[in-house]
Amino acid sequence: FTMKYPEEKRALPEGFRGFPRLNRDSKGNEKCVACYLCEVVCPVGAIKLEAKENTDPGLGRDRRPAYFNINMGRCICCGLCEEACPVDSIVMGSSYELNAESRHEFVYDMEKLLNLP
């Protein structure tokens, strides 16, 4: 059968691992504590982050990411970053479509990662 893509999309199976995305806490802030575990465990080096001191006392943590980037062009969707994260900040989402006009567009920053499905 023929699907009318992109208007119609196929149903994803249970347990599908798309590209990684970041989660927010109940206050709408990123959950990341900048522990570097995801960056260390990534087999292809697609994740880059830098920690900064937390200035918001309401977050309840010492550090937060100054920046958090994932190069989706290099990501192999292995899920090791999700397993390594101690606070469930990074999870494998349901997005699987990837297009760009240059390689620089494959680098997703923290804001884009927080808004992925």
PDB file of N, CA and C in Angstrom:
ATOM      1  N   PHE A   1       0.835  -1.174   0.000  1.00  0.00           N
ATOM      2  CA  PHE A   1       0.000   0.000   0.000  1.00  0.00           C
ATOM      3  C   PHE A   1       0.884   1.243   0.000  1.00  0.00           C
ATOM      4  N   THR A   2       0.328   2.354  -0.429  1.00  0.00           N
ATOM      5  CA  THR A   2       1.063   3.604  -0.523  1.00  0.00           C
ATOM      6  C   THR A   2       0.520   4.601   0.490  1.00  0.00           C
ATOM      7  N   MET A   3       1.437   5.232   1.217  1.00  0.00           N
ATOM      8  CA  MET A   3       1.038   6.262   2.179  1.00  0.00           C
ATOM      9  C   MET A   3       1.263   7.632   1.554  1.00  0.00           C
ATOM     10  N   LYS A   4       0.489   8.599   1.954  1.00  0.00           N
ATOM     11  CA  LYS A   4       0.636   9.968   1.477  1.00  0.00           C
ATOM     12  C   LYS A   4       1.517  10.740   2.447  1.00  0.00           C
ATOM     13  N   TYR A   5       2.787  10.397   2.429  1.00  0.00           N
ATOM     14  CA  TYR A   5       3.750  11.042   3.306  1.00  0.00           C
ATOM     15  C   TYR A   5       4.068  12.433   2.781  1.00  0.00           C
ATOM     16  N   PRO A   6       4.142  13.462   3.542  1.00  0.00           N
ATOM     17  CA  PRO A   6       4.197  13.556   4.999  1.00  0.00           C
ATOM     18  C   PRO A   6       2.846  13.809   5.659  1.00  0.00           C
ATOM     19  N   GLU A   7       1.768  13.896   4.883  1.00  0.00           N
ATOM     20  CA  GLU A   7       0.459  14.102   5.507  1.00  0.00           C
ATOM     21  C   GLU A   7       0.079  12.913   6.377  1.00  0.00           C
ATOM     22  N   GLU A   8       0.359  11.715   5.913  1.00  0.00           N
ATOM     23  CA  GLU A   8       0.087  10.502   6.681  1.00  0.00           C
ATOM     24  C   GLU A   8       1.420   9.922   7.127  1.00  0.00           C
ATOM     25  N   LYS A   9       1.489   9.574   8.386  1.00  0.00           N
ATOM     26  CA  LYS A   9       2.717   8.976   8.908  1.00  0.00           C
ATOM     27  C   LYS A   9       2.380   7.626   9.501  1.00  0.00           C
ATOM     28  N   ARG A  10       3.320   6.712   9.388  1.00  0.00           N
ATOM     29  CA  ARG A  10       3.069   5.374   9.890  1.00  0.00           C
ATOM     30  C   ARG A  10       3.074   5.349  11.409  1.00  0.00           C
ATOM     31  N   ALA A  11       2.324   4.427  11.955  1.00  0.00           N
ATOM     32  CA  ALA A  11       2.270   4.268  13.405  1.00  0.00           C
ATOM     33  C   ALA A  11       3.577   3.641  13.882  1.00  0.00           C
ATOM     34  N   LEU A  12       4.145   4.218  14.914  1.00  0.00           N
ATOM     35  CA  LEU A  12       5.405   3.714  15.446  1.00  0.00           C
ATOM     36  C   LEU A  12       5.152   2.570  16.410  1.00  0.00           C
ATOM     37  N   PRO A  13       5.983   1.543  16.367  1.00  0.00           N
ATOM     38  CA  PRO A  13       5.787   0.425  17.281  1.00  0.00           C
ATOM     39  C   PRO A  13       6.122   0.801  18.726  1.00  0.00           C
ATOM     40  N   GLU A  14       5.600   0.052  19.643  1.00  0.00           N
ATOM     41  CA  GLU A  14       5.882   0.244  21.070  1.00  0.00           C
ATOM     42  C   GLU A  14       7.379   0.099  21.310  1.00  0.00           C
ATOM     43  N   GLY A  15       7.951   1.016  22.054  1.00  0.00           N
ATOM     44  CA  GLY A  15       9.376   0.942  22.347  1.00  0.00           C
ATOM     45  C   GLY A  15      10.267   1.534  21.269  1.00  0.00           C
ATOM     46  N   PHE A  16       9.685   2.271  20.331  1.00  0.00           N
ATOM     47  CA  PHE A  16      10.476   2.886  19.267  1.00  0.00           C
ATOM     48  C   PHE A  16      11.433   3.916  19.860  1.00  0.00           C
ATOM     49  N   ARG A  17      12.686   3.893  19.400  1.00  0.00           N
ATOM     50  CA  ARG A  17      13.689   4.859  19.857  1.00  0.00           C
ATOM     51  C   ARG A  17      14.023   5.795  18.714  1.00  0.00           C
ATOM     52  N   GLY A  18      13.545   7.011  18.827  1.00  0.00           N
ATOM     53  CA  GLY A  18      13.901   8.030  17.847  1.00  0.00           C
ATOM     54  C   GLY A  18      15.117   8.794  18.324  1.00  0.00           C
ATOM     55  N   PHE A  19      15.188  10.056  17.972  1.00  0.00           N
ATOM     56  CA  PHE A  19      16.306  10.886  18.394  1.00  0.00           C
ATOM     57  C   PHE A  19      16.143  11.309  19.852  1.00  0.00           C
ATOM     58  N   PRO A  20      17.249  11.558  20.543  1.00  0.00           N
ATOM     59  CA  PRO A  20      17.152  11.979  21.939  1.00  0.00           C
ATOM     60  C   PRO A  20      16.568  13.377  22.076  1.00  0.00           C
ATOM     61  N   ARG A  21      15.924  13.606  23.198  1.00  0.00           N
ATOM     62  CA  ARG A  21      15.373  14.915  23.528  1.00  0.00           C
ATOM     63  C   ARG A  21      15.561  15.155  25.021  1.00  0.00           C
ATOM     64  N   LEU A  22      15.386  16.389  25.447  1.00  0.00           N
ATOM     65  CA  LEU A  22      15.529  16.737  26.857  1.00  0.00           C
ATOM     66  C   LEU A  22      14.164  16.924  27.494  1.00  0.00           C
ATOM     67  N   ASN A  23      14.059  16.558  28.755  1.00  0.00           N
ATOM     68  CA  ASN A  23      12.823  16.724  29.522  1.00  0.00           C
ATOM     69  C   ASN A  23      12.888  17.986  30.371  1.00  0.00           C
ATOM     70  N   ARG A  24      11.710  18.491  30.714  1.00  0.00           N
ATOM     71  CA  ARG A  24      11.578  19.627  31.624  1.00  0.00           C
ATOM     72  C   ARG A  24      11.073  19.131  32.979  1.00  0.00           C
ATOM     73  N   ASP A  25      11.374  19.896  34.027  1.00  0.00           N
ATOM     74  CA  ASP A  25      10.830  19.570  35.343  1.00  0.00           C
ATOM     75  C   ASP A  25       9.434  20.174  35.468  1.00  0.00           C
ATOM     76  N   SER A  26       8.828  20.073  36.646  1.00  0.00           N
ATOM     77  CA  SER A  26       7.462  20.556  36.834  1.00  0.00           C
ATOM     78  C   SER A  26       7.351  22.076  36.706  1.00  0.00           C
ATOM     79  N   LYS A  27       8.471  22.794  36.866  1.00  0.00           N
ATOM     80  CA  LYS A  27       8.458  24.249  36.751  1.00  0.00           C
ATOM     81  C   LYS A  27       8.770  24.729  35.332  1.00  0.00           C
ATOM     82  N   GLY A  28       9.043  23.805  34.423  1.00  0.00           N
ATOM     83  CA  GLY A  28       9.321  24.166  33.042  1.00  0.00           C
ATOM     84  C   GLY A  28      10.790  24.364  32.723  1.00  0.00           C
ATOM     85  N   ASN A  29      11.672  24.121  33.690  1.00  0.00           N
ATOM     86  CA  ASN A  29      13.112  24.231  33.463  1.00  0.00           C
ATOM     87  C   ASN A  29      13.677  22.890  33.017  1.00  0.00           C
ATOM     88  N   GLU A  30      14.851  22.917  32.392  1.00  0.00           N
ATOM     89  CA  GLU A  30      15.492  21.660  32.009  1.00  0.00           C
ATOM     90  C   GLU A  30      15.857  20.871  33.269  1.00  0.00           C
ATOM     91  N   LYS A  31      15.759  19.554  33.175  1.00  0.00           N
ATOM     92  CA  LYS A  31      16.064  18.698  34.327  1.00  0.00           C
ATOM     93  C   LYS A  31      17.547  18.392  34.456  1.00  0.00           C
ATOM     94  N   CYS A  32      18.330  18.717  33.448  1.00  0.00           N
ATOM     95  CA  CYS A  32      19.741  18.357  33.398  1.00  0.00           C
ATOM     96  C   CYS A  32      20.514  18.961  34.567  1.00  0.00           C
ATOM     97  N   VAL A  33      21.363  18.147  35.211  1.00  0.00           N
ATOM     98  CA  VAL A  33      22.210  18.594  36.307  1.00  0.00           C
ATOM     99  C   VAL A  33      23.661  18.738  35.861  1.00  0.00           C
ATOM    100  N   ALA A  34      23.928  18.647  34.573  1.00  0.00           N
ATOM    101  CA  ALA A  34      25.258  18.830  33.983  1.00  0.00           C
ATOM    102  C   ALA A  34      26.294  17.917  34.637  1.00  0.00           C
ATOM    103  N   CYS A  35      25.995  16.631  34.687  1.00  0.00           N
ATOM    104  CA  CYS A  35      26.904  15.657  35.300  1.00  0.00           C
ATOM    105  C   CYS A  35      27.893  15.069  34.296  1.00  0.00           C
ATOM    106  N   TYR A  36      27.700  15.321  33.024  1.00  0.00           N
ATOM    107  CA  TYR A  36      28.568  14.882  31.927  1.00  0.00           C
ATOM    108  C   TYR A  36      28.506  13.376  31.637  1.00  0.00           C
ATOM    109  N   LEU A  37      27.633  12.632  32.293  1.00  0.00           N
ATOM    110  CA  LEU A  37      27.576  11.188  32.058  1.00  0.00           C
ATOM    111  C   LEU A  37      27.140  10.868  30.632  1.00  0.00           C
ATOM    112  N   CYS A  38      26.193  11.595  30.091  1.00  0.00           N
ATOM    113  CA  CYS A  38      25.734  11.335  28.721  1.00  0.00           C
ATOM    114  C   CYS A  38      26.841  11.631  27.717  1.00  0.00           C
ATOM    115  N   GLU A  39      27.598  12.689  27.957  1.00  0.00           N
ATOM    116  CA  GLU A  39      28.691  13.041  27.057  1.00  0.00           C
ATOM    117  C   GLU A  39      29.778  11.970  27.077  1.00  0.00           C
ATOM    118  N   VAL A  40      30.063  11.437  28.252  1.00  0.00           N
ATOM    119  CA  VAL A  40      31.112  10.424  28.389  1.00  0.00           C
ATOM    120  C   VAL A  40      30.700   9.104  27.755  1.00  0.00           C
ATOM    121  N   VAL A  41      29.448   8.713  27.903  1.00  0.00           N
ATOM    122  CA  VAL A  41      29.007   7.402  27.438  1.00  0.00           C
ATOM    123  C   VAL A  41      28.680   7.373  25.943  1.00  0.00           C
ATOM    124  N   CYS A  42      28.518   8.528  25.308  1.00  0.00           N
ATOM    125  CA  CYS A  42      28.158   8.572  23.891  1.00  0.00           C
ATOM    126  C   CYS A  42      29.285   7.969  23.041  1.00  0.00           C
ATOM    127  N   PRO A  43      29.022   6.868  22.315  1.00  0.00           N
ATOM    128  CA  PRO A  43      30.092   6.196  21.579  1.00  0.00           C
ATOM    129  C   PRO A  43      30.620   6.972  20.374  1.00  0.00           C
ATOM    130  N   VAL A  44      29.849   7.912  19.862  1.00  0.00           N
ATOM    131  CA  VAL A  44      30.284   8.668  18.687  1.00  0.00           C
ATOM    132  C   VAL A  44      30.625  10.118  19.010  1.00  0.00           C
ATOM    133  N   GLY A  45      30.509  10.515  20.258  1.00  0.00           N
ATOM    134  CA  GLY A  45      30.841  11.878  20.659  1.00  0.00           C
ATOM    135  C   GLY A  45      29.892  12.926  20.125  1.00  0.00           C
ATOM    136  N   ALA A  46      28.617  12.591  20.035  1.00  0.00           N
ATOM    137  CA  ALA A  46      27.624  13.519  19.482  1.00  0.00           C
ATOM    138  C   ALA A  46      27.157  14.552  20.497  1.00  0.00           C
ATOM    139  N   ILE A  47      27.364  14.301  21.793  1.00  0.00           N
ATOM    140  CA  ILE A  47      26.850  15.180  22.841  1.00  0.00           C
ATOM    141  C   ILE A  47      27.972  16.058  23.373  1.00  0.00           C
ATOM    142  N   LYS A  48      27.706  17.356  23.450  1.00  0.00           N
ATOM    143  CA  LYS A  48      28.640  18.319  24.024  1.00  0.00           C
ATOM    144  C   LYS A  48      27.875  19.207  24.998  1.00  0.00           C
ATOM    145  N   LEU A  49      28.396  19.365  26.200  1.00  0.00           N
ATOM    146  CA  LEU A  49      27.772  20.255  27.167  1.00  0.00           C
ATOM    147  C   LEU A  49      28.827  20.900  28.038  1.00  0.00           C
ATOM    148  N   GLU A  50      28.422  21.971  28.683  1.00  0.00           N
ATOM    149  CA  GLU A  50      29.284  22.657  29.627  1.00  0.00           C
ATOM    150  C   GLU A  50      28.439  23.060  30.822  1.00  0.00           C
ATOM    151  N   ALA A  51      28.978  22.887  32.020  1.00  0.00           N
ATOM    152  CA  ALA A  51      28.244  23.201  33.240  1.00  0.00           C
ATOM    153  C   ALA A  51      28.519  24.624  33.680  1.00  0.00           C
ATOM    154  N   LYS A  52      27.548  25.193  34.372  1.00  0.00           N
ATOM    155  CA  LYS A  52      27.725  26.493  35.027  1.00  0.00           C
ATOM    156  C   LYS A  52      27.074  26.400  36.396  1.00  0.00           C
ATOM    157  N   GLU A  53      27.457  27.302  37.282  1.00  0.00           N
ATOM    158  CA  GLU A  53      26.866  27.330  38.610  1.00  0.00           C
ATOM    159  C   GLU A  53      25.416  27.769  38.522  1.00  0.00           C
ATOM    160  N   ASN A  54      24.582  27.166  39.333  1.00  0.00           N
ATOM    161  CA  ASN A  54      23.171  27.501  39.350  1.00  0.00           C
ATOM    162  C   ASN A  54      22.957  28.748  40.204  1.00  0.00           C
ATOM    163  N   THR A  55      22.304  29.746  39.656  1.00  0.00           N
ATOM    164  CA  THR A  55      22.013  30.970  40.402  1.00  0.00           C
ATOM    165  C   THR A  55      20.567  31.022  40.889  1.00  0.00           C
ATOM    166  N   ASP A  56      19.758  30.068  40.488  1.00  0.00           N
ATOM    167  CA  ASP A  56      18.349  30.017  40.884  1.00  0.00           C
ATOM    168  C   ASP A  56      18.204  29.070  42.072  1.00  0.00           C
ATOM    169  N   PRO A  57      17.973  29.586  43.280  1.00  0.00           N
ATOM    170  CA  PRO A  57      17.875  28.706  44.456  1.00  0.00           C
ATOM    171  C   PRO A  57      16.647  27.795  44.428  1.00  0.00           C
ATOM    172  N   GLY A  58      15.659  28.113  43.624  1.00  0.00           N
ATOM    173  CA  GLY A  58      14.446  27.305  43.554  1.00  0.00           C
ATOM    174  C   GLY A  58      14.627  25.990  42.811  1.00  0.00           C
ATOM    175  N   LEU A  59      15.717  25.826  42.066  1.00  0.00           N
ATOM    176  CA  LEU A  59      15.928  24.601  41.301  1.00  0.00           C
ATOM    177  C   LEU A  59      16.391  23.441  42.172  1.00  0.00           C
ATOM    178  N   GLY A  60      17.093  23.729  43.251  1.00  0.00           N
ATOM    179  CA  GLY A  60      17.527  22.676  44.156  1.00  0.00           C
ATOM    180  C   GLY A  60      18.696  21.853  43.649  1.00  0.00           C
ATOM    181  N   ARG A  61      19.561  22.441  42.847  1.00  0.00           N
ATOM    182  CA  ARG A  61      20.758  21.743  42.382  1.00  0.00           C
ATOM    183  C   ARG A  61      21.887  22.754  42.236  1.00  0.00           C
ATOM    184  N   ASP A  62      23.107  22.256  42.282  1.00  0.00           N
ATOM    185  CA  ASP A  62      24.277  23.132  42.260  1.00  0.00           C
ATOM    186  C   ASP A  62      24.647  23.609  40.869  1.00  0.00           C
ATOM    187  N   ARG A  63      24.435  22.732  39.869  1.00  0.00           N
ATOM    188  CA  ARG A  63      24.852  23.069  38.503  1.00  0.00           C
ATOM    189  C   ARG A  63      23.702  22.899  37.533  1.00  0.00           C
ATOM    190  N   ARG A  64      23.856  23.570  36.413  1.00  0.00           N
ATOM    191  CA  ARG A  64      22.949  23.408  35.293  1.00  0.00           C
ATOM    192  C   ARG A  64      23.778  23.602  34.032  1.00  0.00           C
ATOM    193  N   PRO A  65      23.289  23.164  32.882  1.00  0.00           N
ATOM    194  CA  PRO A  65      24.096  23.308  31.670  1.00  0.00           C
ATOM    195  C   PRO A  65      24.138  24.751  31.165  1.00  0.00           C
ATOM    196  N   ALA A  66      25.342  25.222  30.846  1.00  0.00           N
ATOM    197  CA  ALA A  66      25.490  26.522  30.179  1.00  0.00           C
ATOM    198  C   ALA A  66      25.050  26.357  28.730  1.00  0.00           C
ATOM    199  N   TYR A  67      25.432  25.248  28.134  1.00  0.00           N
ATOM    200  CA  TYR A  67      24.925  24.864  26.823  1.00  0.00           C
ATOM    201  C   TYR A  67      24.883  23.347  26.759  1.00  0.00           C
ATOM    202  N   PHE A  68      24.000  22.828  25.933  1.00  0.00           N
ATOM    203  CA  PHE A  68      23.825  21.392  25.739  1.00  0.00           C
ATOM    204  C   PHE A  68      23.526  21.193  24.268  1.00  0.00           C
ATOM    205  N   ASN A  69      24.429  20.571  23.541  1.00  0.00           N
ATOM    206  CA  ASN A  69      24.260  20.363  22.105  1.00  0.00           C
ATOM    207  C   ASN A  69      24.359  18.884  21.766  1.00  0.00           C
ATOM    208  N   ILE A  70      23.538  18.441  20.824  1.00  0.00           N
ATOM    209  CA  ILE A  70      23.639  17.091  20.277  1.00  0.00           C
ATOM    210  C   ILE A  70      23.720  17.216  18.763  1.00  0.00           C
ATOM    211  N   ASN A  71      24.738  16.616  18.192  1.00  0.00           N
ATOM    212  CA  ASN A  71      24.879  16.583  16.734  1.00  0.00           C
ATOM    213  C   ASN A  71      24.065  15.395  16.225  1.00  0.00           C
ATOM    214  N   MET A  72      22.873  15.671  15.732  1.00  0.00           N
ATOM    215  CA  MET A  72      21.979  14.610  15.274  1.00  0.00           C
ATOM    216  C   MET A  72      22.509  13.907  14.032  1.00  0.00           C
ATOM    217  N   GLY A  73      23.390  14.547  13.302  1.00  0.00           N
ATOM    218  CA  GLY A  73      24.007  13.902  12.148  1.00  0.00           C
ATOM    219  C   GLY A  73      24.943  12.776  12.556  1.00  0.00           C
ATOM    220  N   ARG A  74      25.453  12.824  13.768  1.00  0.00           N
ATOM    221  CA  ARG A  74      26.342  11.786  14.266  1.00  0.00           C
ATOM    222  C   ARG A  74      25.627  10.782  15.170  1.00  0.00           C
ATOM    223  N   CYS A  75      24.500  11.167  15.751  1.00  0.00           N
ATOM    224  CA  CYS A  75      23.785  10.323  16.712  1.00  0.00           C
ATOM    225  C   CYS A  75      23.350   9.007  16.058  1.00  0.00           C
ATOM    226  N   ILE A  76      23.596   7.899  16.741  1.00  0.00           N
ATOM    227  CA  ILE A  76      23.196   6.593  16.226  1.00  0.00           C
ATOM    228  C   ILE A  76      21.991   6.022  16.975  1.00  0.00           C
ATOM    229  N   CYS A  77      21.349   6.853  17.802  1.00  0.00           N
ATOM    230  CA  CYS A  77      20.116   6.480  18.522  1.00  0.00           C
ATOM    231  C   CYS A  77      20.291   5.192  19.318  1.00  0.00           C
ATOM    232  N   CYS A  78      21.423   5.041  19.981  1.00  0.00           N
ATOM    233  CA  CYS A  78      21.708   3.816  20.730  1.00  0.00           C
ATOM    234  C   CYS A  78      21.013   3.791  22.093  1.00  0.00           C
ATOM    235  N   GLY A  79      20.689   4.941  22.663  1.00  0.00           N
ATOM    236  CA  GLY A  79      20.010   4.998  23.946  1.00  0.00           C
ATOM    237  C   GLY A  79      20.928   4.949  25.152  1.00  0.00           C
ATOM    238  N   LEU A  80      22.233   4.930  24.957  1.00  0.00           N
ATOM    239  CA  LEU A  80      23.156   4.892  26.095  1.00  0.00           C
ATOM    240  C   LEU A  80      23.081   6.165  26.929  1.00  0.00           C
ATOM    241  N   CYS A  81      22.836   7.296  26.293  1.00  0.00           N
ATOM    242  CA  CYS A  81      22.708   8.555  27.034  1.00  0.00           C
ATOM    243  C   CYS A  81      21.502   8.510  27.965  1.00  0.00           C
ATOM    244  N   GLU A  82      20.420   7.914  27.514  1.00  0.00           N
ATOM    245  CA  GLU A  82      19.213   7.785  28.328  1.00  0.00           C
ATOM    246  C   GLU A  82      19.471   6.893  29.537  1.00  0.00           C
ATOM    247  N   GLU A  83      20.193   5.811  29.338  1.00  0.00           N
ATOM    248  CA  GLU A  83      20.494   4.902  30.440  1.00  0.00           C
ATOM    249  C   GLU A  83      21.446   5.511  31.454  1.00  0.00           C
ATOM    250  N   ALA A  84      22.367   6.362  30.999  1.00  0.00           N
ATOM    251  CA  ALA A  84      23.368   6.946  31.892  1.00  0.00           C
ATOM    252  C   ALA A  84      22.829   8.105  32.714  1.00  0.00           C
ATOM    253  N   CYS A  85      21.779   8.757  32.270  1.00  0.00           N
ATOM    254  CA  CYS A  85      21.280   9.962  32.939  1.00  0.00           C
ATOM    255  C   CYS A  85      20.662   9.620  34.297  1.00  0.00           C
ATOM    256  N   PRO A  86      21.188  10.212  35.388  1.00  0.00           N
ATOM    257  CA  PRO A  86      20.669   9.879  36.721  1.00  0.00           C
ATOM    258  C   PRO A  86      19.347  10.557  37.058  1.00  0.00           C
ATOM    259  N   VAL A  87      18.945  11.583  36.303  1.00  0.00           N
ATOM    260  CA  VAL A  87      17.716  12.320  36.626  1.00  0.00           C
ATOM    261  C   VAL A  87      16.663  12.250  35.527  1.00  0.00           C
ATOM    262  N   ASP A  88      16.808  11.335  34.580  1.00  0.00           N
ATOM    263  CA  ASP A  88      15.874  11.183  33.461  1.00  0.00           C
ATOM    264  C   ASP A  88      15.682  12.480  32.690  1.00  0.00           C
ATOM    265  N   SER A  89      16.763  13.204  32.498  1.00  0.00           N
ATOM    266  CA  SER A  89      16.704  14.442  31.743  1.00  0.00           C
ATOM    267  C   SER A  89      16.688  14.175  30.246  1.00  0.00           C
ATOM    268  N   ILE A  90      17.468  13.216  29.797  1.00  0.00           N
ATOM    269  CA  ILE A  90      17.558  12.913  28.372  1.00  0.00           C
ATOM    270  C   ILE A  90      16.868  11.577  28.113  1.00  0.00           C
ATOM    271  N   VAL A  91      15.956  11.567  27.173  1.00  0.00           N
ATOM    272  CA  VAL A  91      15.209  10.356  26.819  1.00  0.00           C
ATOM    273  C   VAL A  91      15.167  10.236  25.307  1.00  0.00           C
ATOM    274  N   MET A  92      14.906   9.042  24.843  1.00  0.00           N
ATOM    275  CA  MET A  92      14.768   8.821  23.408  1.00  0.00           C
ATOM    276  C   MET A  92      13.330   9.172  23.027  1.00  0.00           C
ATOM    277  N   GLY A  93      13.193  10.165  22.174  1.00  0.00           N
ATOM    278  CA  GLY A  93      11.878  10.651  21.781  1.00  0.00           C
ATOM    279  C   GLY A  93      11.293   9.876  20.625  1.00  0.00           C
ATOM    280  N   SER A  94      10.239  10.424  20.050  1.00  0.00           N
ATOM    281  CA  SER A  94       9.562   9.760  18.942  1.00  0.00           C
ATOM    282  C   SER A  94       9.884  10.394  17.591  1.00  0.00           C
ATOM    283  N   SER A  95      10.735  11.424  17.571  1.00  0.00           N
ATOM    284  CA  SER A  95      11.062  12.055  16.293  1.00  0.00           C
ATOM    285  C   SER A  95      12.096  11.220  15.538  1.00  0.00           C
ATOM    286  N   TYR A  96      11.852  11.045  14.258  1.00  0.00           N
ATOM    287  CA  TYR A  96      12.763  10.248  13.439  1.00  0.00           C
ATOM    288  C   TYR A  96      13.072  10.930  12.112  1.00  0.00           C
ATOM    289  N   GLU A  97      12.460  12.050  11.840  1.00  0.00           N
ATOM    290  CA  GLU A  97      12.689  12.763  10.593  1.00  0.00           C
ATOM    291  C   GLU A  97      13.821  13.762  10.791  1.00  0.00           C
ATOM    292  N   LEU A  98      14.739  13.789   9.842  1.00  0.00           N
ATOM    293  CA  LEU A  98      15.900  14.652   9.964  1.00  0.00           C
ATOM    294  C   LEU A  98      16.230  15.220   8.596  1.00  0.00           C
ATOM    295  N   ASN A  99      16.211  16.535   8.493  1.00  0.00           N
ATOM    296  CA  ASN A  99      16.604  17.169   7.236  1.00  0.00           C
ATOM    297  C   ASN A  99      17.284  18.496   7.540  1.00  0.00           C
ATOM    298  N   ALA A 100      18.215  18.857   6.690  1.00  0.00           N
ATOM    299  CA  ALA A 100      18.941  20.112   6.858  1.00  0.00           C
ATOM    300  C   ALA A 100      19.616  20.461   5.546  1.00  0.00           C
ATOM    301  N   GLU A 101      19.930  21.730   5.389  1.00  0.00           N
ATOM    302  CA  GLU A 101      20.632  22.178   4.193  1.00  0.00           C
ATOM    303  C   GLU A 101      22.137  22.252   4.410  1.00  0.00           C
ATOM    304  N   SER A 102      22.575  22.235   5.657  1.00  0.00           N
ATOM    305  CA  SER A 102      24.007  22.237   5.955  1.00  0.00           C
ATOM    306  C   SER A 102      24.257  21.380   7.198  1.00  0.00           C
ATOM    307  N   ARG A 103      25.481  20.985   7.396  1.00  0.00           N
ATOM    308  CA  ARG A 103      25.820  20.146   8.547  1.00  0.00           C
ATOM    309  C   ARG A 103      25.622  20.876   9.864  1.00  0.00           C
ATOM    310  N   HIS A 104      25.744  22.188   9.855  1.00  0.00           N
ATOM    311  CA  HIS A 104      25.592  22.967  11.085  1.00  0.00           C
ATOM    312  C   HIS A 104      24.159  22.928  11.610  1.00  0.00           C
ATOM    313  N   GLU A 105      23.204  22.700  10.740  1.00  0.00           N
ATOM    314  CA  GLU A 105      21.807  22.618  11.162  1.00  0.00           C
ATOM    315  C   GLU A 105      21.495  21.314  11.893  1.00  0.00           C
ATOM    316  N   PHE A 106      22.373  20.322  11.797  1.00  0.00           N
ATOM    317  CA  PHE A 106      22.175  19.067  12.517  1.00  0.00           C
ATOM    318  C   PHE A 106      22.524  19.182  13.989  1.00  0.00           C
ATOM    319  N   VAL A 107      23.202  20.237  14.386  1.00  0.00           N
ATOM    320  CA  VAL A 107      23.552  20.437  15.789  1.00  0.00           C
ATOM    321  C   VAL A 107      22.369  21.109  16.478  1.00  0.00           C
ATOM    322  N   TYR A 108      21.716  20.349  17.345  1.00  0.00           N
ATOM    323  CA  TYR A 108      20.539  20.845  18.064  1.00  0.00           C
ATOM    324  C   TYR A 108      20.989  21.403  19.407  1.00  0.00           C
ATOM    325  N   ASP A 109      20.569  22.631  19.713  1.00  0.00           N
ATOM    326  CA  ASP A 109      20.907  23.228  20.998  1.00  0.00           C
ATOM    327  C   ASP A 109      19.856  22.847  22.037  1.00  0.00           C
ATOM    328  N   MET A 110      20.045  23.330  23.258  1.00  0.00           N
ATOM    329  CA  MET A 110      19.184  22.934  24.366  1.00  0.00           C
ATOM    330  C   MET A 110      17.727  23.334  24.117  1.00  0.00           C
ATOM    331  N   GLU A 111      17.498  24.509  23.572  1.00  0.00           N
ATOM    332  CA  GLU A 111      16.126  24.953  23.334  1.00  0.00           C
ATOM    333  C   GLU A 111      15.408  24.050  22.332  1.00  0.00           C
ATOM    334  N   LYS A 112      16.083  23.675  21.285  1.00  0.00           N
ATOM    335  CA  LYS A 112      15.484  22.793  20.276  1.00  0.00           C
ATOM    336  C   LYS A 112      15.253  21.391  20.853  1.00  0.00           C
ATOM    337  N   LEU A 113      16.201  20.906  21.666  1.00  0.00           N
ATOM    338  CA  LEU A 113      16.064  19.583  22.268  1.00  0.00           C
ATOM    339  C   LEU A 113      14.915  19.522  23.275  1.00  0.00           C
ATOM    340  N   LEU A 114      14.649  20.633  23.944  1.00  0.00           N
ATOM    341  CA  LEU A 114      13.537  20.671  24.902  1.00  0.00           C
ATOM    342  C   LEU A 114      12.179  20.683  24.209  1.00  0.00           C
ATOM    343  N   ASN A 115      12.137  21.061  22.945  1.00  0.00           N
ATOM    344  CA  ASN A 115      10.859  21.174  22.221  1.00  0.00           C
ATOM    345  C   ASN A 115      10.612  20.039  21.230  1.00  0.00           C
ATOM    346  N   LEU A 116      11.476  19.018  21.205  1.00  0.00           N
ATOM    347  CA  LEU A 116      11.249  17.870  20.326  1.00  0.00           C
ATOM    348  C   LEU A 116      10.127  16.996  20.870  1.00  0.00           C
ATOM    349  N   PRO A 117       9.405  16.296  19.978  1.00  0.00           N
ATOM    350  CA  PRO A 117       8.345  15.390  20.470  1.00  0.00           C
ATOM    351  C   PRO A 117       8.911  14.136  21.113  1.00  0.00           C
TER     352      PRO A 117
END
